[in-house]
């Protein structure tokens, strides 16, 4: 099975920890080479983030566990890339 090299997740998290702390914790995962979090929506008590992780062999289970440990939850898996290179989605430019 080809390794997962990119995950794009829709995540709901409380205001604490901060987005900076949240993202650095995900970036510190052994399987992750890079992590990016973009705030999509802010509510009274929660934020919705689009989280992108890249690595040579991402562990979806390790990522989910870390997100849960940070008091957040994965709402959906919006993109998965596998293999030696990433194929860009042709629909994104439309």
Protein backbone atom coordinates (compact mmCIF):
# COMPACT_ATOMS: atom_id res chain seq x y z
CA UNK A 1 0.00 0.00 0.00
CA UNK A 2 1.35 3.45 -0.94
CA UNK A 3 2.27 5.69 2.00
CA UNK A 4 0.16 8.75 2.81
CA UNK A 5 2.18 11.88 2.01
CA UNK A 6 -0.46 14.61 2.51
CA UNK A 7 -3.61 14.93 4.60
CA UNK A 8 -6.02 17.85 4.52
CA UNK A 9 -8.44 17.76 7.44
CA UNK A 10 -11.41 19.83 8.59
CA UNK A 11 -10.86 20.20 12.34
CA UNK A 12 -13.00 21.73 15.09
CA UNK A 13 -11.01 22.92 18.12
CA UNK A 14 -11.67 25.01 21.22
CA UNK A 15 -9.97 28.43 21.42
CA UNK A 16 -7.42 26.94 23.82
CA UNK A 17 -4.79 25.78 22.90
CA UNK A 18 -3.92 28.55 20.44
CA UNK A 19 -3.69 27.81 16.73
CA UNK A 20 0.09 28.25 16.98
CA UNK A 21 0.42 25.68 19.79
CA UNK A 22 -2.02 23.32 18.06
CA UNK A 23 -0.12 23.44 14.77
CA UNK A 24 3.34 23.10 16.30
CA UNK A 25 2.17 20.04 18.26
CA UNK A 26 1.00 18.43 15.01
CA UNK A 27 4.23 19.43 13.27
CA UNK A 28 6.19 17.73 16.06
CA UNK A 29 4.64 14.33 15.26
CA UNK A 30 7.34 11.87 14.19
CA UNK A 31 5.49 11.07 10.95
CA UNK A 32 5.00 14.74 9.93
CA UNK A 33 7.53 16.86 8.06
CA UNK A 34 5.29 19.94 7.92
CA UNK A 35 1.98 21.20 9.30
CA UNK A 36 -0.21 24.15 8.36
CA UNK A 37 -3.46 25.27 9.96
CA UNK A 38 -5.75 27.89 8.45
CA UNK A 39 -8.60 29.37 10.48
CA UNK A 40 -11.76 29.00 8.40
CA UNK A 41 -14.39 30.07 10.93
CA UNK A 42 -14.51 31.41 14.48
CA UNK A 43 -17.42 30.83 16.87
CA UNK A 44 -17.89 31.85 20.50
CA UNK A 45 -16.19 28.76 21.85
CA UNK A 46 -14.58 26.98 18.88
CA UNK A 47 -12.59 27.49 15.71
CA UNK A 48 -12.83 25.54 12.48
CA UNK A 49 -9.42 24.87 10.92
CA UNK A 50 -8.23 23.46 7.62
CA UNK A 51 -5.18 21.44 8.64
CA UNK A 52 -2.64 20.25 6.08
CA UNK A 53 0.06 17.76 7.05
CA UNK A 54 2.83 16.44 4.85
CA UNK A 55 5.36 13.68 5.44
CA UNK A 56 6.91 10.59 3.87
CA UNK A 57 4.52 8.19 5.63
CA UNK A 58 1.79 9.94 7.64
CA UNK A 59 -0.09 7.89 10.21
CA UNK A 60 -3.75 8.85 10.17
CA UNK A 61 -4.18 7.17 13.55
CA UNK A 62 -1.30 9.12 15.15
CA UNK A 63 -2.66 12.37 13.70
CA UNK A 64 -6.19 11.65 14.99
CA UNK A 65 -4.86 10.76 18.45
CA UNK A 66 -2.82 13.97 18.67
CA UNK A 67 -5.79 16.06 17.56
CA UNK A 68 -7.97 14.41 20.21
CA UNK A 69 -5.25 14.94 22.85
CA UNK A 70 -5.45 18.64 21.97
CA UNK A 71 -9.22 18.60 22.73
CA UNK A 72 -10.16 18.88 19.05
CA UNK A 73 -11.95 16.61 16.58
CA UNK A 74 -11.64 15.72 12.91
CA UNK A 75 -14.86 16.60 11.11
CA UNK A 76 -13.75 15.29 7.74
CA UNK A 77 -10.81 14.13 5.70
CA UNK A 78 -10.87 16.50 2.73
CA UNK A 79 -7.80 15.35 0.81
CA UNK A 80 -5.40 12.41 0.88
CA UNK A 81 -2.28 12.11 -1.27
CA UNK A 82 -0.33 8.86 -1.56
CA UNK A 83 2.78 7.81 -3.37
CA UNK A 84 6.07 9.36 -4.39
CA UNK A 85 4.58 12.64 -5.68
CA UNK A 86 1.48 14.71 -5.11
CA UNK A 87 -1.07 15.09 -7.88
CA UNK A 88 -2.63 18.55 -7.70
CA UNK A 89 -6.41 18.65 -7.91
CA UNK A 90 -7.36 20.05 -11.37
CA UNK A 91 -10.68 21.39 -9.99
CA UNK A 92 -9.01 23.81 -7.55
CA UNK A 93 -8.19 26.38 -10.24
CA UNK A 94 -11.73 26.62 -11.58
